[in-house]
Structures are given as structure tokens and as C-alpha cells.
Protein backbone atom coordinates (compact mmCIF):
# COMPACT_ATOMS: atom_id res chain seq x y z
CA MET A 1 135.49 10.50 11.33
CA THR A 2 138.40 12.35 9.90
CA ASP A 3 141.99 11.47 9.95
CA ASN A 4 142.41 14.15 12.01
CA THR A 5 139.84 13.21 14.78
CA GLU A 6 141.45 9.25 14.40
CA LYS A 7 145.00 10.82 15.41
CA SER A 8 143.49 13.36 18.08
CA GLN A 9 142.37 9.90 19.92
CA ALA A 10 145.52 7.96 19.43
CA GLU A 11 147.24 10.30 21.30
CA ASN A 12 144.69 10.81 24.21
CA SER A 13 145.27 7.30 24.98
CA SER A 14 148.88 7.42 26.19
CA SER A 15 147.62 9.87 28.62
CA ALA A 16 145.61 9.39 32.25
CA ILE A 17 141.65 8.85 31.36
CA ARG A 18 140.42 11.78 33.92
CA PRO A 19 136.52 11.32 32.77
CA ALA A 20 134.18 13.80 33.03
CA GLU A 21 131.14 14.01 34.83
CA ILE A 22 127.88 13.09 32.74
CA THR A 23 123.98 13.66 32.53
CA LEU A 24 122.08 10.56 31.24
CA SER A 25 119.51 13.13 30.55
CA ALA A 26 121.77 14.65 27.64
CA GLN A 27 122.26 11.41 25.98
CA THR A 28 118.92 10.07 26.24
CA GLN A 29 117.66 13.48 24.31
CA ASN A 30 120.37 12.81 21.73
CA TYR A 31 118.73 9.42 21.26
CA ASN A 32 114.93 10.87 21.13
CA ARG A 33 115.82 12.93 18.20
CA GLN A 34 113.46 12.52 15.26
CA PRO A 35 112.66 14.15 12.10
CA ALA A 36 109.79 16.34 11.73
CA THR A 37 106.42 14.55 10.47
CA THR A 38 103.32 16.35 9.64
CA PRO A 39 100.30 16.03 11.47
CA GLY A 40 99.03 13.27 9.19
CA ASN A 41 102.13 11.31 9.77
CA HIS A 42 101.82 11.02 13.33
CA SER A 43 99.44 9.15 13.97
CA ARG A 44 101.11 6.40 11.38
CA TRP A 45 104.30 6.13 13.08
CA LEU A 46 103.57 6.78 16.50
CA TRP A 47 103.14 3.58 18.06
CA PRO A 48 105.76 1.87 15.80
CA ALA A 49 108.27 4.52 16.72
CA MET A 50 107.90 4.10 20.50
CA LEU A 51 108.14 0.14 20.11
CA ILE A 52 111.50 0.86 18.33
CA MET A 53 112.58 3.43 20.78
CA ILE A 54 111.86 0.81 24.03
CA THR A 55 113.93 -1.50 22.16
CA LEU A 56 117.01 0.05 21.64
CA THR A 57 117.03 1.42 25.02
CA ALA A 58 116.79 -1.90 26.57
CA ALA A 59 119.52 -3.32 24.24
CA VAL A 60 121.65 -0.38 25.31
CA VAL A 61 121.00 -0.80 28.71
CA PHE A 62 121.04 -4.75 29.40
CA VAL A 63 122.61 -6.14 26.39
CA LEU A 64 125.53 -3.80 25.24
CA PRO A 65 127.12 -3.74 28.70
CA ALA A 66 128.04 -7.75 28.12
CA TYR A 67 129.90 -7.02 24.51
CA VAL A 68 131.80 -4.15 25.62
CA LYS A 69 135.27 -3.88 27.52
CA PRO A 70 135.95 -0.55 29.37
CA PRO A 71 138.81 0.41 27.92
CA ALA A 72 142.75 -0.33 29.53
CA LEU A 73 144.17 1.91 31.84
CA SER A 74 147.65 2.54 31.72
CA ALA A 75 149.73 4.66 33.90
CA PRO A 76 150.61 7.77 33.33
CA THR A 77 154.04 8.43 31.34
CA THR A 78 155.97 11.84 31.26
CA ALA A 79 158.21 12.64 28.59
CA THR A 80 160.63 15.56 28.02
CA GLY A 81 160.39 18.07 25.09
CA ASN A 82 163.47 16.45 23.94
CA GLU A 83 162.05 12.57 23.32
CA GLN A 84 160.33 11.72 20.29
CA PRO A 85 157.86 8.76 20.10
CA SER A 86 159.77 5.63 19.02
CA GLY A 87 157.65 5.11 16.11
CA PRO A 88 154.96 6.82 13.74
CA ALA A 89 151.52 6.64 15.44
CA LYS A 90 149.62 3.97 14.34
CA ALA A 91 146.02 4.98 12.89
CA GLU A 92 142.80 3.32 13.98
CA THR A 93 141.72 0.91 11.14
CA SER A 94 138.29 1.74 12.82
CA LYS A 95 136.26 4.47 14.57
CA PRO A 96 135.90 3.90 18.70
CA LYS A 97 133.06 2.90 20.55
CA GLU A 98 131.17 5.56 22.36
CA PRO A 99 131.59 4.88 26.23
CA ALA A 100 127.84 3.80 27.83
CA PRO A 101 126.18 6.28 29.49
CA TRP A 102 125.96 3.78 32.31
CA GLN A 103 129.64 2.97 32.87
CA THR A 104 130.81 6.36 32.68
CA ALA A 105 128.07 7.18 35.30
CA GLN A 106 129.53 4.20 37.24
CA LEU A 107 132.90 5.97 36.95
CA ALA A 108 132.21 9.73 37.58
CA ARG A 109 130.35 8.21 40.75
CA GLN A 110 133.60 6.33 41.80
CA ARG A 111 136.05 9.19 40.96
CA THR A 112 133.33 11.51 43.15
CA LYS A 113 133.87 8.97 46.40
CA SER A 114 137.79 9.01 45.96
CA GLN A 115 137.81 12.52 46.02
CA GLU A 116 135.58 12.45 48.93
CA LEU A 117 137.79 10.23 50.63
CA LEU A 118 141.06 12.24 49.68
CA SER A 119 139.64 15.59 51.46
CA ARG A 120 138.93 13.29 54.59
CA MET A 121 142.46 11.77 54.54
CA LEU A 122 143.74 15.55 53.79
CA GLU A 123 141.63 16.89 57.01
CA LEU A 124 143.76 13.79 59.20
CA GLN A 125 146.71 14.79 57.80
CA GLU A 126 146.71 18.41 58.61
CA GLN A 127 145.65 17.45 62.12
CA LEU A 128 148.75 14.88 62.52
CA GLU A 129 151.30 16.97 60.90
CA GLN A 130 150.09 19.81 63.64
CA LYS A 131 150.77 17.05 66.17
CA ASN A 132 153.93 16.81 65.22
CA VAL A 133 153.63 13.12 64.05
CA LYS A 134 156.86 12.76 62.17
CA ALA A 135 158.67 12.77 65.56
CA TRP A 136 156.97 9.99 67.71
CA ALA A 137 154.97 8.29 64.54
CA ALA A 138 157.41 7.97 61.74
CA ALA A 139 157.36 4.75 60.58
CA GLU A 140 153.32 4.51 61.00
CA TYR A 141 153.02 7.71 59.47
CA GLU A 142 155.50 6.68 56.56
CA HIS A 143 153.42 3.74 55.80
CA ILE A 144 150.15 5.92 55.57
CA LEU A 145 151.53 8.30 53.14
CA GLN A 146 152.74 5.16 50.82
CA LEU A 147 149.26 4.25 51.06
CA ALA A 148 147.90 7.55 49.68
CA THR A 149 150.66 7.51 46.77
CA ASP A 150 149.26 3.78 45.93
CA GLY A 151 145.88 5.60 46.31
CA ASP A 152 146.84 8.11 43.88
CA THR A 153 148.59 5.96 41.08
CA ALA A 154 145.14 4.00 41.29
CA TYR A 155 143.58 7.22 40.60
CA GLN A 156 145.61 8.15 37.91
CA GLN A 157 144.76 4.91 36.05
CA GLN A 158 141.24 5.64 36.67
CA ASP A 159 140.85 2.55 39.00
CA PHE A 160 138.60 4.51 41.05
CA ASP A 161 137.58 0.98 43.56
CA GLY A 162 141.41 0.60 44.15
CA SER A 163 141.80 4.28 45.07
CA SER A 164 139.23 4.13 47.03
CA ALA A 165 140.39 1.37 49.01
CA LYS A 166 143.70 2.99 49.50
CA TYR A 167 142.44 6.84 50.59
CA THR A 168 140.01 4.67 53.03
CA GLN A 169 142.77 2.37 54.74
CA ALA A 170 145.12 5.49 54.92
CA ALA A 171 142.43 7.49 56.55
CA ASP A 172 141.28 5.08 58.86
CA GLU A 173 144.71 4.37 60.02
CA MET A 174 145.30 8.02 60.24
CA SER A 175 141.90 8.41 62.09
CA ALA A 176 143.21 5.57 64.52
CA LEU A 177 146.50 7.39 65.14
CA LEU A 178 145.08 10.44 66.44
CA GLU A 179 142.34 8.20 68.92
CA ASN A 180 145.66 6.37 69.65
CA THR A 181 147.39 9.37 70.88
CA GLU A 182 146.52 9.14 74.28
CA THR A 183 147.34 5.35 74.61
CA LEU A 184 150.46 6.27 72.33
CA PHE A 185 152.04 9.06 74.71
CA ASN A 186 151.51 6.52 78.07
CA GLN A 187 153.35 3.65 76.33
CA LYS A 188 156.08 6.22 75.77
CA ILE A 189 155.82 7.23 79.59
CA GLU A 190 155.68 3.46 80.36
CA LEU A 191 158.76 3.04 78.17
CA GLY A 192 160.62 5.68 79.89
CA ASN A 193 159.92 5.09 83.25
CA THR A 194 160.45 0.98 83.07
CA ALA A 195 163.98 2.59 81.33
CA LEU A 196 164.43 4.78 84.40
CA ALA A 197 164.23 1.52 86.46
CA ASN A 198 166.52 -0.21 84.85
CA GLY A 199 168.99 2.77 84.76
CA GLU A 200 169.52 3.58 81.17
CA ALA A 201 169.40 6.95 80.65
CA SER A 202 169.21 7.54 77.15
CA PRO A 203 166.15 5.13 76.26
CA ALA A 204 164.24 7.06 78.93
CA GLU A 205 164.97 10.37 77.60
CA GLN A 206 164.10 9.37 74.31
CA ALA A 207 160.78 8.29 75.49
CA PHE A 208 160.08 11.07 77.31
CA THR A 209 161.20 13.32 74.31
CA GLN A 210 158.56 11.53 71.93
CA ALA A 211 155.88 11.77 74.99
CA LEU A 212 156.37 15.46 75.05
CA GLN A 213 155.99 15.76 71.18
CA ILE A 214 152.75 14.23 71.45
CA LYS A 215 151.93 16.49 74.87
CA PRO A 216 154.57 19.50 75.31
CA ASP A 217 152.77 20.39 78.56
CA ALA A 218 152.31 16.85 80.26
CA GLU A 219 153.56 16.97 83.67
CA SER A 220 154.35 13.16 83.87
CA ALA A 221 156.34 14.02 80.80
CA LYS A 222 158.23 16.54 81.88
CA ALA A 223 158.94 15.06 85.38
CA GLY A 224 160.40 11.90 83.24
CA MET A 225 162.77 14.14 81.18
CA GLN A 226 164.02 15.63 84.24
CA ARG A 227 164.41 12.15 85.67
CA ALA A 228 165.85 10.59 83.03
CA GLN A 229 168.48 14.00 82.23
CA THR A 230 170.14 13.27 86.04
CA LEU A 231 169.79 9.71 86.01
CA ASN A 232 173.36 9.28 85.55
CA GLU A 233 174.47 11.42 88.55
CA VAL A 234 171.86 9.79 90.52
CA LEU A 235 173.42 6.43 89.45
CA LYS A 236 176.74 7.77 89.91
CA LEU A 237 175.92 8.37 93.52
CA VAL A 238 173.77 5.20 94.20
CA THR A 239 177.47 2.90 92.93
CA GLU A 240 179.73 5.56 95.56
CA GLY A 241 177.17 5.29 98.70
CA ASN A 242 177.41 1.52 97.99
CA ASP A 243 180.88 1.13 97.83
CA LEU A 244 180.96 3.34 100.92
CA GLN A 245 178.55 1.29 102.40
CA GLN A 246 180.55 -1.69 101.78
CA SER A 247 183.50 -0.51 103.20
CA GLY A 248 181.76 0.51 106.92
CA GLN A 249 181.78 4.30 106.46
CA LEU A 250 177.70 4.29 107.05
CA GLU A 251 177.44 7.63 107.65
CA GLN A 252 178.74 8.46 104.35
CA ALA A 253 177.08 6.48 102.39
CA ARG A 254 174.04 7.48 103.76
CA SER A 255 174.82 11.05 102.38
CA ARG A 256 175.31 9.97 98.96
CA TYR A 257 171.95 8.40 99.21
CA GLU A 258 170.42 11.43 100.15
CA GLN A 259 172.09 13.12 97.53
CA ALA A 260 170.97 10.77 94.85
CA LEU A 261 167.38 11.42 96.27
CA LYS A 262 167.96 15.43 96.17
CA LEU A 263 167.93 14.96 92.35
CA ASP A 264 165.48 12.51 92.11
CA LYS A 265 163.26 11.69 95.29
CA GLN A 266 161.50 8.69 92.77
CA THR A 267 164.76 6.77 92.64
CA GLU A 268 163.78 3.37 93.64
CA LEU A 269 166.96 2.24 93.76
CA ALA A 270 168.45 5.31 95.95
CA LYS A 271 164.92 4.60 98.12
CA GLN A 272 166.36 0.85 98.95
CA GLN A 273 169.91 1.78 99.72
CA LEU A 274 169.19 4.59 101.91
CA SER A 275 166.92 2.36 103.95
CA SER A 276 169.04 -0.27 103.76
CA VAL A 277 171.99 1.65 105.02
CA ASN A 278 169.71 3.50 107.86
CA THR A 279 168.87 0.22 109.28
CA LYS A 280 172.34 -0.59 109.72
CA ILE A 281 173.41 2.62 111.35
CA ARG A 282 170.45 2.25 113.49
CA ASP A 283 171.42 -1.29 114.42
CA ALA A 284 174.70 -0.25 115.05
CA ASP A 285 173.65 2.74 117.26
CA PHE A 286 171.09 0.59 119.00
CA LYS A 287 173.82 -1.93 120.16
CA ARG A 288 176.24 0.92 121.05
CA LEU A 289 173.53 2.56 123.49
CA MET A 290 172.73 -1.17 124.99
CA SER A 291 176.47 -1.52 125.93
CA THR A 292 176.58 2.08 127.33
CA GLY A 293 173.60 1.11 129.39
CA TYR A 294 175.02 -1.88 130.90
CA THR A 295 178.06 -0.53 131.57
CA GLN A 296 176.89 2.34 133.65
CA LEU A 297 174.49 -0.04 135.20
CA GLN A 298 177.33 -2.16 136.40
CA ASN A 299 179.41 1.22 137.30
CA ASN A 300 176.15 1.72 139.60
CA HIS A 301 174.92 4.67 137.68
CA PRO A 302 171.48 3.47 137.03
CA ALA A 303 170.18 6.90 136.03
CA GLU A 304 172.48 7.05 133.43
CA ALA A 305 172.00 3.36 132.12
CA LYS A 306 168.31 4.00 131.98
CA ALA A 307 168.59 7.09 129.55
CA ALA A 308 171.13 4.99 127.01
CA PHE A 309 168.04 1.75 127.21
CA GLU A 310 165.61 4.62 126.68
CA LYS A 311 167.27 5.85 123.65
CA ALA A 312 167.76 2.55 122.07
CA ALA A 313 163.84 1.64 122.81
CA ARG A 314 163.47 4.73 120.25
CA LEU A 315 165.60 3.54 117.84
CA LYS A 316 163.40 -0.07 117.82
CA PRO A 317 160.25 0.24 119.73
CA GLY A 318 158.90 -2.97 121.42
CA SER A 319 162.29 -4.37 121.48
CA SER A 320 162.15 -7.23 123.96
CA GLU A 321 165.78 -6.08 125.08
CA THR A 322 165.47 -2.95 125.73
CA GLY A 323 162.09 -3.96 127.56
CA SER A 324 164.47 -6.19 130.04
CA ALA A 325 166.56 -3.88 130.43
CA LEU A 326 164.32 -1.04 131.33
CA GLY A 327 162.44 -3.51 133.90
CA GLN A 328 166.00 -4.24 135.48
CA ILE A 329 166.57 -0.44 135.53
CA ASP A 330 163.25 0.65 136.95
CA SER A 331 163.63 -2.51 139.68
CA ARG A 332 167.23 -0.94 140.76
CA LEU A 333 165.98 2.66 140.52
CA GLN A 334 163.15 1.56 142.71
CA ASN A 335 165.36 -0.56 145.39
CA ASP A 336 167.74 2.60 145.31
CA LYS A 337 164.57 5.06 146.07
CA ILE A 338 163.46 2.69 148.73
CA ASN A 339 166.93 2.20 150.22
CA ASP A 340 167.12 6.32 150.28
CA ILE A 341 163.86 7.04 152.00
CA LEU A 342 164.84 4.03 154.61
CA GLN A 343 168.09 5.68 155.51
CA THR A 344 166.28 9.18 155.76
CA ALA A 345 163.88 7.41 158.27
CA ARG A 346 166.75 5.87 160.25
CA GLU A 347 168.26 9.42 160.54
CA LEU A 348 165.03 11.19 161.51
CA GLU A 349 164.67 8.37 164.12
CA SER A 350 167.84 8.78 165.55
CA ASN A 351 167.37 12.57 165.58
CA GLU A 352 164.06 10.95 167.82
CA LYS A 353 161.88 12.93 165.11
CA TRP A 354 159.17 10.20 164.85
CA LYS A 355 156.31 11.69 163.15
CA GLU A 356 158.59 12.76 160.20
CA ALA A 357 159.94 9.01 160.08
CA MET A 358 156.58 7.97 159.53
CA THR A 359 156.02 9.94 156.53
CA GLN A 360 158.93 8.71 155.26
CA TYR A 361 157.86 4.94 155.89
CA ASP A 362 154.52 5.61 154.26
CA GLN A 363 156.84 6.47 151.46
CA ALA A 364 158.64 3.41 150.96
CA LEU A 365 155.44 1.53 151.54
CA ALA A 366 153.76 3.19 148.49
CA LEU A 367 156.80 1.87 146.04
CA ASP A 368 156.54 -1.61 148.03
CA ALA A 369 153.66 -2.37 150.11
CA ASN A 370 154.77 -5.49 151.11
CA LEU A 371 158.49 -4.01 152.47
CA ALA A 372 158.97 -5.80 156.06
CA ALA A 373 161.65 -2.98 157.08
CA ALA A 374 158.99 -0.22 156.29
CA GLN A 375 155.98 -1.82 158.25
CA GLU A 376 157.98 -2.79 161.23
CA GLY A 377 160.03 0.97 161.00
CA LYS A 378 156.23 2.68 161.08
CA GLN A 379 154.86 0.59 163.40
CA TYR A 380 157.91 1.06 166.18
CA ALA A 381 157.81 4.89 165.11
CA SER A 382 154.20 5.10 165.63
CA SER A 383 154.95 3.87 169.17
CA ARG A 384 157.50 6.57 169.69
CA VAL A 385 155.24 9.04 168.43
CA THR A 386 152.76 7.85 171.20
CA LEU A 387 155.04 7.89 174.36
CA ASP A 388 156.96 10.92 173.37
CA GLU A 389 153.11 12.63 173.05
CA ARG A 390 151.96 11.38 176.29
CA LEU A 391 155.04 12.26 178.06
CA ALA A 392 155.05 15.46 177.22
CA GLN A 393 151.35 15.88 178.15
CA LEU A 394 152.55 14.92 181.70
CA ILE A 395 155.20 16.87 181.92
CA ASN A 396 153.47 19.97 180.88
CA GLN A 397 150.67 19.17 183.04
CA PRO A 398 151.90 17.86 186.39
CA GLU A 399 148.80 18.96 188.30
CA ARG A 400 146.96 16.25 186.52
CA LEU A 401 149.18 13.48 188.94
CA ALA A 402 146.95 14.85 191.60
CA ASN A 403 144.13 12.06 190.23
CA THR A 404 145.10 8.80 191.60
CA ALA A 405 144.22 7.48 188.05
CA VAL A 406 146.59 9.33 185.98
CA TYR A 407 149.25 9.17 188.68
CA GLU A 408 149.29 5.39 188.36
CA ASP A 409 149.21 5.83 184.69
CA ALA A 410 151.72 8.04 184.81
CA ARG A 411 154.05 5.41 186.94
CA LEU A 412 153.24 2.51 184.71
CA LEU A 413 154.24 4.68 181.35
CA TYR A 414 157.42 5.80 183.24
CA GLN A 415 158.41 2.01 183.80
CA GLN A 416 157.75 1.21 180.07
CA ALA A 417 159.90 3.82 179.01
CA GLN A 418 162.66 3.10 181.14
CA ASP A 419 162.88 -0.09 179.47
CA ILE A 420 163.66 1.44 176.20
CA THR A 421 167.82 1.24 175.79
CA PRO A 422 169.24 2.98 174.56
CA ALA A 423 167.42 5.44 175.42
CA GLU A 424 167.68 9.22 173.26
CA PRO A 425 168.67 12.19 174.77
CA GLY A 426 164.81 13.13 174.69
CA LEU A 427 163.61 10.60 176.07
CA SER A 428 165.87 10.49 178.79
CA ALA A 429 165.37 13.84 179.48
CA GLN A 430 161.52 13.75 179.66
CA LEU A 431 161.87 10.42 181.73
CA GLN A 432 164.18 12.96 184.30
CA LYS A 433 161.35 15.33 184.50
CA LEU A 434 158.68 12.82 184.90
CA ASP A 435 160.18 11.07 187.46
CA LYS A 436 160.62 14.19 189.45
CA LEU A 437 157.19 15.23 188.98
CA LEU A 438 156.24 11.46 190.49
CA ALA A 439 158.53 12.10 193.48
CA VAL A 440 156.25 15.28 194.38
CA ALA A 441 153.08 14.54 193.35
CA ASN A 442 152.03 13.59 196.79
CA VAL A 443 153.78 16.34 198.71
CA PRO A 444 151.80 19.01 199.57
CA VAL A 445 152.75 22.39 198.72
CA PRO A 446 152.21 25.46 201.09
CA VAL A 447 149.96 28.09 199.93
CA LEU A 448 149.35 31.23 201.86
CA ILE A 449 145.43 32.79 201.17
CA LYS A 450 144.86 36.45 202.28
CA SER A 451 141.66 37.95 202.40
CA ASP A 452 139.66 41.25 204.01
CA ASN A 453 137.98 39.49 206.89
CA GLN A 454 134.69 40.07 205.55
CA THR A 455 134.46 37.63 202.44
CA GLU A 456 133.21 34.16 202.88
CA VAL A 457 136.41 32.04 201.15
CA MET A 458 135.76 28.47 199.79
CA VAL A 459 138.28 26.02 198.19
CA LEU A 460 136.68 24.27 196.25
CA ARG A 461 138.04 19.99 196.74
CA VAL A 462 139.58 21.21 200.05
CA GLY A 463 136.19 23.32 201.93
CA THR A 464 135.11 26.36 203.31
CA LEU A 465 137.64 28.59 204.99
CA GLY A 466 135.08 31.14 206.61
CA LYS A 467 136.29 35.24 207.01
CA PHE A 468 139.72 36.11 207.48
CA SER A 469 142.52 37.80 207.09
CA GLU A 470 145.14 35.22 206.47
CA LYS A 471 145.24 31.27 206.14
CA ASN A 472 147.94 29.03 205.15
CA LEU A 473 147.03 25.92 203.70
CA SER A 474 149.05 22.57 202.27
CA LEU A 475 147.61 21.59 199.25
CA LEU A 476 148.93 18.50 197.14
CA PRO A 477 149.90 19.29 193.15
CA GLY A 478 147.10 20.46 191.14
CA LYS A 479 144.44 22.49 190.39
CA TYR A 480 142.07 24.11 192.64
CA THR A 481 139.27 27.47 192.43
CA ALA A 482 138.67 29.53 195.47
CA VAL A 483 135.45 31.42 195.55
CA GLY A 484 134.73 34.52 197.55
CA SER A 485 131.05 35.52 198.57
CA ARG A 486 129.98 38.71 200.23
CA LYS A 487 126.64 40.46 200.75
CA GLY A 488 126.06 43.09 198.31
CA TYR A 489 129.08 42.19 196.36
CA ARG A 490 129.72 39.92 192.92
CA ASP A 491 131.19 36.98 193.91
CA VAL A 492 134.90 36.41 192.83
CA ARG A 493 136.71 33.18 191.83
CA VAL A 494 140.52 32.73 191.74
CA ASP A 495 142.08 29.66 190.23
CA ILE A 496 145.08 28.47 192.37
CA THR A 497 147.73 25.85 190.60
CA VAL A 498 150.00 23.74 192.69
CA THR A 499 152.97 22.52 191.21
CA ALA A 500 155.02 19.78 192.60
CA GLY A 501 158.10 20.97 194.28
CA ALA A 502 157.26 24.59 193.95
CA PRO A 503 157.91 27.37 196.18
CA ALA A 504 155.04 28.32 198.53
CA GLN A 505 152.73 30.60 196.63
CA THR A 506 150.25 33.66 197.99
CA VAL A 507 146.57 34.08 196.48
CA GLU A 508 144.15 37.04 197.28
CA VAL A 509 140.56 36.14 197.44
CA SER A 510 138.57 39.35 198.34
CA ALA A 511 135.00 40.48 196.87
CA THR A 512 135.45 43.93 196.22
CA GLU A 513 132.94 44.77 193.59
CA LYS A 514 129.25 45.94 194.56
CA PHE A 515 126.42 45.29 192.96
CA ALA A 516 124.61 48.50 191.56
CA SER A 517 121.81 49.99 193.49
CA ARG A 518 118.54 50.51 191.75
């Protein structure tokens, strides 16, 4: 080897070694080159040459690596144009050994593996940066970049196993970061919601900002950010509401809580406080309505009292207090209604409207079937209705008194009715009329019957009167029928009503309608 070759090798030893890919076939070709032989020599040297070749190959592959150490790898150094070597390069005193083919092949394979891992890592890096990884995982990403840098350093020193390990670790962490994006997003959302629940606006905004950087279109992150941005105003309104509530200004406090919920309807604190103040307002309204109801009841205004108690019952459904109060009201109202009905019935009785009075008593009994006053009133009204109807029938049909049984019944009825005291005007008038009818019921009344001297006259229940022109009769009050018969003529019938105490009456009985001739 020449001096120039040795100098060149010395200079190259100070830079990073990047071994080129080699093929074992080329090296083997060099070792297989032999001087040309003549056909005569071929047979004599063939077998010894092959034996030597096999021995040398085995020595190179199996023995030589044990005695040859790989060249030491040093970190690359950089020098400016003005820098000079500290001393003259020391010339090598001996020719360096040529790298073994197997070792060179291993280094080439390791370098290729490192390059493949580097390519994968760069693809993952591009995906992460598209997702703005520096904004939401800056520390993790910085750590990954440091691993990549460490891998580059190992690669430059031709420590391909080391660079592969660093590249693999960096790629795995990048892949894990991508795979854990959803988990990380959910963690940021949870952090934001926790901050909101704790009333911490800035941490909440920060968490939701990071969540939006991971998923810019996520509705949960957008909603959380909106809540975080209004949190301070919401907390201010809630605080004002609490102060108003403590000072007894419940309606104003409720207004503050409602305003807070308009800004953020999910704010649990505002929801809880609104529920609390609503309960206090409801309790206050309940007490006020119950007090109003009892006051109205004491003032004998049951309808107004019931309205107040019903409003209170709507505020607290199932309340035993309102149930008891409404029970008292219902009982009071029913009693008042019954009293009104009984009063109406008595007024009808005073006006001798007995049937209408009975209807009122029936209404009272429908409300309380055991009501004694209604039972007694109905019984008395019923008896008076019967009396009134019987008296009216006798008065309107005085001829019935001609019957002995009817007469005796009327006389007994008259005596019973006289025992009623005080006698109402209507009853008194009926008794006076019946008394007169009874007095003249057995006194005959004159009746003049006229005929044509050709008609045979007969009065039923009296007898046959014969043919005549006039005949005077004395008939007891009642109803009679006169029948006139004449040969060749149609019979004639005449009804006669004899009224007691009435003046004399005249009746014509003559058969004047001839039968049609055949």
C-alpha cells in the first residue's frame, strides 16, 4: 500500500462510518481466481486446489471473526474551515485489515433495519403533527423526539442495534400516542368537567382547549368550552342568589339561579340552589294558603276556605294537613247544603207545596241517608200530599158523596183534617168546602124533566117515569142517567149531575131521531 493510501485511510477514520452494502458473491469471486493451467496440469492440481480453497473458506468464516475486533465507532466531529489538526496525522505503520464479508453483511442488514424503522417513525410523526400533537401532548412528543435523536446518534456511530432500539421505542410510543388519542380526549373532557364541577374556569378552559385540539369538531368539547367560558358569570349569579336567599329575598334569589341556568343549564350548583329556594318558596306559600283557608273558615266562608286549601294541596300533594282541612270543609259544605235544602223544604211546606217539599227532602237524604230531619219531613210532606189529593177529589166530585161509603169516608177524613193545627189557608179552604158538601150531601135537589108525551122515560137508579110532558123529581146529589125510548126512533140518553145545594135544573128527554126506512 502507498503512503497516499495510508493517509486517506487515516483521514476517513475520523468521520462516521456508513458501510456500503456488499454482496458476498463478489468476495467469493476474488478468492476463486487462480492462475491459468494447461489441460495437462488440470488433473494433477485440481483436487489439491479444491482442498486448499475449502480450508481457507472455513478459516475465514469460522476462525477469523474470533481474532478480529470490529473497528471502534466514534461520534462524528464537525470542524470549521479555520480549524487545523492539533498535530500531524500519524501514519499507520501497518496496513489495516480488510473487513470480513460476513461482518460487513451483518452491518448492512442492521443499517437497513434502522432505515426501515426510521421510515415508519417518520410516517407516524407526520400523522401526529397533522393532529397538532405539540398542542396536547407536548411533553410526550418531546420525549419521543429525544429518542429519535438518540437513535440518530447511534446510527451515525454505526451502532445500528442501538439506533434500531431507539427508533423502535420512538415509533412504538408514537403509535401508542395515536392509539390513545380517544382515551386522551376522554381524559381531557373528564378533567374539564371536573374543573367545572369545582368552579375552576381556567383549568376547565385549558382542558377543553386541549380536547378541541385533539378533536376540533367534538360537540362535547365545544359544549364544555362554552360552559367554561361562562363559568365565572354563572358562579357570580349563584353567589348573588345565595346572599339573597339568606336575607329572605327568595323570589329574587330564584331569579338569579334561573339566570345562571340560562347561561349553563347543566350547572349542578345552580340546579341545587334553585331546587332549594323553590322548596322554601313552596313551603312559604303553603303556610300562607293554609292560614288563609282557616281564616275564611272561621269567618263562615267555606267556599273561599276550600279554594285556599285546594291550592295548598296542589303545592304538596298527599299532605295530611290539607287532607284534614279539606275533610272539614267538605263536611261543613255538606252540612250547609243540607241546611239550605231543609230551609227550602220548610218554605215550600209553609206555602202548602207538599210535593215540592218532598223533592227537597229526597235531595237532603241523598247527601245523608240517616238525616232524621229529612226523614221526618219527607214523611209528613207525604201525608199532606195524600190529604190534599183526597180532599181535592171529594171537592171536585161531590156527586160521589151520594154513595154511602164515600160519604162516610169523606166525613172521617174531614174530622182528621180538622185536627191539624194550625190549619194552613189552603187546608182551611178545602175543609170549608167539604163541610158544606157533607152538609147538603143528603138533601134532595129539585130536578124538572121535560118530554114529548110519546117517549117512554126512565131514570136509572130512580125508576121508570113513563110518558109525560113534564115531571118534577127530588134527587139526592150525585150523577144520574135518563133514558128515552120510542117505537121507530133511536133511544136517547141524558146524563144528569145533581150538585148539593145547587138550584133546581131542567132536563129534556125526548126520542126524536127516526130509524131509516128500508
